[in-house]
Amino acid sequence: METAPRLIGVPAAEVDAVWPLAEPLIEGACRRGRGKDAPADIRRALRERDQQLWLAWNGSVVALAVTEIVCHPRKKCCRIRICTGRERRAWGHQLAHIEAWAKAQGCAAMELIARPGWSRLLKEQGYATTHLYCEKEL
């Protein structure tokens, strides 16, 4: 029987060690991001501690998230930039670990841009859909 994935924060010093496990998922997310980032950009930001890597792990990487601290003029937030993988129902509730970490960093809120399918899971965890983010290439 496979164990439930556990969400683990990866220290910046260990990013290179886990990169081969994370890169395929990050590469897919970058493709869906319409050219805003490449995996090398994410890796650099993780190494420089500008972003943080979280792995859903059960002996292999099931999913991952990439976060960043964003300081708005009146509120510090933790933004989930990437959240991708499989078995979302098995680990999605563990976003609370990221929320606790964010609160310890002085964040007053979480923010993210997610595909519509995330709405139901996030609503169950107290998130509200306040905006729809749409894009058009010029």
C-alpha atoms as a PDB file:
ATOM      1  CA  MET A   1       0.000   0.000   0.000  1.00  0.00           C
ATOM      2  CA  GLU A   2       1.387   3.388  -1.016  1.00  0.00           C
ATOM      3  CA  THR A   3       1.757   5.964   1.753  1.00  0.00           C
ATOM      4  CA  ALA A   4       0.089   9.350   1.534  1.00  0.00           C
ATOM      5  CA  PRO A   5       2.409  12.047   0.193  1.00  0.00           C
ATOM      6  CA  ARG A   6       3.958  14.410   2.720  1.00  0.00           C
ATOM      7  CA  LEU A   7       4.608  18.055   1.823  1.00  0.00           C
ATOM      8  CA  ILE A   8       8.259  18.957   2.466  1.00  0.00           C
ATOM      9  CA  GLY A   9       9.908  22.369   2.200  1.00  0.00           C
ATOM     10  CA  VAL A  10      13.258  22.134   0.394  1.00  0.00           C
ATOM     11  CA  PRO A  11      16.033  24.379   1.766  1.00  0.00           C
ATOM     12  CA  ALA A  12      17.756  26.504  -0.888  1.00  0.00           C
ATOM     13  CA  ALA A  13      21.016  24.649  -0.273  1.00  0.00           C
ATOM     14  CA  GLU A  14      19.338  21.379  -1.314  1.00  0.00           C
ATOM     15  CA  VAL A  15      17.640  22.603  -4.500  1.00  0.00           C
ATOM     16  CA  ASP A  16      20.377  21.255  -6.768  1.00  0.00           C
ATOM     17  CA  ALA A  17      20.186  17.824  -5.113  1.00  0.00           C
ATOM     18  CA  VAL A  18      16.443  17.464  -5.759  1.00  0.00           C
ATOM     19  CA  TRP A  19      16.366  19.343  -9.068  1.00  0.00           C
ATOM     20  CA  PRO A  20      16.348  16.201 -11.259  1.00  0.00           C
ATOM     21  CA  LEU A  21      13.174  15.102  -9.442  1.00  0.00           C
ATOM     22  CA  ALA A  22      11.476  18.511  -9.619  1.00  0.00           C
ATOM     23  CA  GLU A  23      12.523  19.722 -13.066  1.00  0.00           C
ATOM     24  CA  PRO A  24      10.030  17.692 -15.163  1.00  0.00           C
ATOM     25  CA  LEU A  25       7.075  19.117 -13.227  1.00  0.00           C
ATOM     26  CA  ILE A  26       8.499  22.631 -13.265  1.00  0.00           C
ATOM     27  CA  GLU A  27       9.161  22.340 -16.997  1.00  0.00           C
ATOM     28  CA  GLY A  28       5.503  21.427 -17.595  1.00  0.00           C
ATOM     29  CA  ALA A  29       4.314  24.326 -15.466  1.00  0.00           C
ATOM     30  CA  CYS A  30       6.598  26.723 -17.346  1.00  0.00           C
ATOM     31  CA  ARG A  31       5.156  25.520 -20.675  1.00  0.00           C
ATOM     32  CA  ARG A  32       1.643  26.218 -19.395  1.00  0.00           C
ATOM     33  CA  GLY A  33       2.855  29.630 -18.125  1.00  0.00           C
ATOM     34  CA  ARG A  34       3.042  30.963 -21.671  1.00  0.00           C
ATOM     35  CA  GLY A  35       6.713  31.889 -21.702  1.00  0.00           C
ATOM     36  CA  LYS A  36       6.970  33.906 -18.493  1.00  0.00           C
ATOM     37  CA  ASP A  37       9.570  31.603 -16.927  1.00  0.00           C
ATOM     38  CA  ALA A  38      11.909  28.800 -17.915  1.00  0.00           C
ATOM     39  CA  PRO A  39      13.004  26.062 -15.501  1.00  0.00           C
ATOM     40  CA  ALA A  40      16.432  27.731 -15.244  1.00  0.00           C
ATOM     41  CA  ASP A  41      14.757  30.942 -14.014  1.00  0.00           C
ATOM     42  CA  ILE A  42      12.860  29.052 -11.320  1.00  0.00           C
ATOM     43  CA  ARG A  43      15.984  27.144 -10.275  1.00  0.00           C
ATOM     44  CA  ARG A  44      17.968  30.373  -9.940  1.00  0.00           C
ATOM     45  CA  ALA A  45      15.229  32.000  -7.840  1.00  0.00           C
ATOM     46  CA  LEU A  46      15.073  28.924  -5.587  1.00  0.00           C
ATOM     47  CA  ARG A  47      18.852  28.911  -5.097  1.00  0.00           C
ATOM     48  CA  GLU A  48      18.851  32.632  -4.313  1.00  0.00           C
ATOM     49  CA  ARG A  49      16.004  32.190  -1.789  1.00  0.00           C
ATOM     50  CA  ASP A  50      13.709  34.491  -3.786  1.00  0.00           C
ATOM     51  CA  GLN A  51      11.303  31.561  -4.154  1.00  0.00           C
ATOM     52  CA  GLN A  52      10.728  28.381  -2.188  1.00  0.00           C
ATOM     53  CA  LEU A  53      10.281  24.774  -3.324  1.00  0.00           C
ATOM     54  CA  TRP A  54       7.832  22.361  -1.704  1.00  0.00           C
ATOM     55  CA  LEU A  55       7.648  18.675  -2.668  1.00  0.00           C
ATOM     56  CA  ALA A  56       4.760  16.275  -2.078  1.00  0.00           C
ATOM     57  CA  TRP A  57       6.779  13.132  -1.395  1.00  0.00           C
ATOM     58  CA  ASN A  58       5.873   9.481  -0.814  1.00  0.00           C
ATOM     59  CA  GLY A  59       9.142   7.909  -1.903  1.00  0.00           C
ATOM     60  CA  SER A  60       8.974   9.848  -5.154  1.00  0.00           C
ATOM     61  CA  VAL A  61       7.802  13.324  -6.110  1.00  0.00           C
ATOM     62  CA  VAL A  62       4.038  13.249  -6.544  1.00  0.00           C
ATOM     63  CA  ALA A  63       3.634  17.012  -6.871  1.00  0.00           C
ATOM     64  CA  LEU A  64       5.344  20.278  -6.089  1.00  0.00           C
ATOM     65  CA  ALA A  65       4.712  23.910  -5.329  1.00  0.00           C
ATOM     66  CA  VAL A  66       6.843  27.005  -5.757  1.00  0.00           C
ATOM     67  CA  THR A  67       6.108  29.992  -3.540  1.00  0.00           C
ATOM     68  CA  GLU A  68       7.415  33.524  -3.174  1.00  0.00           C
ATOM     69  CA  ILE A  69       6.967  36.258  -0.604  1.00  0.00           C
ATOM     70  CA  VAL A  70       5.339  39.347  -2.121  1.00  0.00           C
ATOM     71  CA  CYS A  71       5.374  42.667  -0.288  1.00  0.00           C
ATOM     72  CA  HIS A  72       2.465  44.838  -1.365  1.00  0.00           C
ATOM     73  CA  PRO A  73       2.424  48.409   0.014  1.00  0.00           C
ATOM     74  CA  ARG A  74       0.102  47.430   2.891  1.00  0.00           C
ATOM     75  CA  LYS A  75       0.293  43.654   3.132  1.00  0.00           C
ATOM     76  CA  LYS A  76       2.904  40.919   2.938  1.00  0.00           C
ATOM     77  CA  CYS A  77       1.616  37.811   1.141  1.00  0.00           C
ATOM     78  CA  CYS A  78       2.839  34.374   0.196  1.00  0.00           C
ATOM     79  CA  ARG A  79       2.102  33.715  -3.458  1.00  0.00           C
ATOM     80  CA  ILE A  80       1.905  30.177  -4.787  1.00  0.00           C
ATOM     81  CA  ARG A  81       3.457  30.571  -8.239  1.00  0.00           C
ATOM     82  CA  ILE A  82       3.387  26.928  -9.274  1.00  0.00           C
ATOM     83  CA  CYS A  83       1.392  24.030  -7.905  1.00  0.00           C
ATOM     84  CA  THR A  84       1.366  20.952 -10.086  1.00  0.00           C
ATOM     85  CA  GLY A  85       1.442  17.178  -9.965  1.00  0.00           C
ATOM     86  CA  ARG A  86      -0.867  14.253  -9.466  1.00  0.00           C
ATOM     87  CA  GLU A  87      -2.970  12.839  -6.611  1.00  0.00           C
ATOM     88  CA  ARG A  88      -4.098  16.337  -5.564  1.00  0.00           C
ATOM     89  CA  ARG A  89      -6.674  14.973  -3.139  1.00  0.00           C
ATOM     90  CA  ALA A  90      -3.947  13.015  -1.317  1.00  0.00           C
ATOM     91  CA  TRP A  91      -1.768  16.053  -0.557  1.00  0.00           C
ATOM     92  CA  GLY A  92      -3.778  19.198  -1.356  1.00  0.00           C
ATOM     93  CA  HIS A  93      -4.949  19.602   2.230  1.00  0.00           C
ATOM     94  CA  GLN A  94      -1.304  19.970   3.239  1.00  0.00           C
ATOM     95  CA  LEU A  95      -1.188  23.469   1.789  1.00  0.00           C
ATOM     96  CA  ALA A  96      -1.761  24.327   5.458  1.00  0.00           C
ATOM     97  CA  HIS A  97       1.971  23.614   5.970  1.00  0.00           C
ATOM     98  CA  ILE A  98       2.810  26.359   3.482  1.00  0.00           C
ATOM     99  CA  GLU A  99       0.292  28.666   5.137  1.00  0.00           C
ATOM    100  CA  ALA A 100       1.887  28.084   8.566  1.00  0.00           C
ATOM    101  CA  TRP A 101       5.347  28.732   7.120  1.00  0.00           C
ATOM    102  CA  ALA A 102       4.072  31.920   5.437  1.00  0.00           C
ATOM    103  CA  LYS A 103       2.548  33.159   8.684  1.00  0.00           C
ATOM    104  CA  ALA A 104       5.882  32.532  10.459  1.00  0.00           C
ATOM    105  CA  GLN A 105       7.529  34.698   7.750  1.00  0.00           C
ATOM    106  CA  GLY A 106       5.176  37.558   8.601  1.00  0.00           C
ATOM    107  CA  CYS A 107       2.714  37.058   5.761  1.00  0.00           C
ATOM    108  CA  ALA A 108      -0.855  38.178   6.362  1.00  0.00           C
ATOM    109  CA  ALA A 109      -2.360  36.321   3.397  1.00  0.00           C
ATOM    110  CA  MET A 110      -1.863  33.727   0.693  1.00  0.00           C
ATOM    111  CA  GLU A 111      -2.417  34.449  -2.978  1.00  0.00           C
ATOM    112  CA  LEU A 112      -2.268  32.395  -6.122  1.00  0.00           C
ATOM    113  CA  ILE A 113      -3.345  32.199  -9.692  1.00  0.00           C
ATOM    114  CA  ALA A 114      -4.768  28.780 -10.406  1.00  0.00           C
ATOM    115  CA  ARG A 115      -6.557  26.966 -13.158  1.00  0.00           C
ATOM    116  CA  PRO A 116     -10.333  26.684 -12.659  1.00  0.00           C
ATOM    117  CA  GLY A 117     -10.121  23.063 -11.468  1.00  0.00           C
ATOM    118  CA  TRP A 118      -8.390  24.173  -8.273  1.00  0.00           C
ATOM    119  CA  SER A 119     -11.396  26.252  -7.158  1.00  0.00           C
ATOM    120  CA  ARG A 120     -13.259  23.427  -5.441  1.00  0.00           C
ATOM    121  CA  LEU A 121     -10.268  22.130  -3.456  1.00  0.00           C
ATOM    122  CA  LEU A 122      -9.191  25.625  -2.470  1.00  0.00           C
ATOM    123  CA  LYS A 123     -12.715  26.617  -1.446  1.00  0.00           C
ATOM    124  CA  GLU A 124     -12.771  23.618   0.928  1.00  0.00           C
ATOM    125  CA  GLN A 125      -9.667  25.112   2.569  1.00  0.00           C
ATOM    126  CA  GLY A 126     -11.105  28.580   3.033  1.00  0.00           C
ATOM    127  CA  TYR A 127      -9.905  30.262  -0.170  1.00  0.00           C
ATOM    128  CA  ALA A 128     -12.286  32.538  -2.062  1.00  0.00           C
ATOM    129  CA  THR A 129     -12.211  33.183  -5.792  1.00  0.00           C
ATOM    130  CA  THR A 130     -11.923  36.956  -5.960  1.00  0.00           C
ATOM    131  CA  HIS A 131     -10.567  37.452  -9.482  1.00  0.00           C
ATOM    132  CA  LEU A 132     -10.212  35.592 -12.717  1.00  0.00           C
ATOM    133  CA  TYR A 133      -6.822  36.037 -14.358  1.00  0.00           C
ATOM    134  CA  CYS A 134      -6.997  35.944 -18.147  1.00  0.00           C
ATOM    135  CA  GLU A 135      -4.259  36.413 -20.721  1.00  0.00           C
ATOM    136  CA  LYS A 136      -3.855  37.232 -24.380  1.00  0.00           C
ATOM    137  CA  GLU A 137      -0.634  37.140 -26.370  1.00  0.00           C
ATOM    138  CA  LEU A 138       0.129  40.339 -28.268  1.00  0.00           C
END
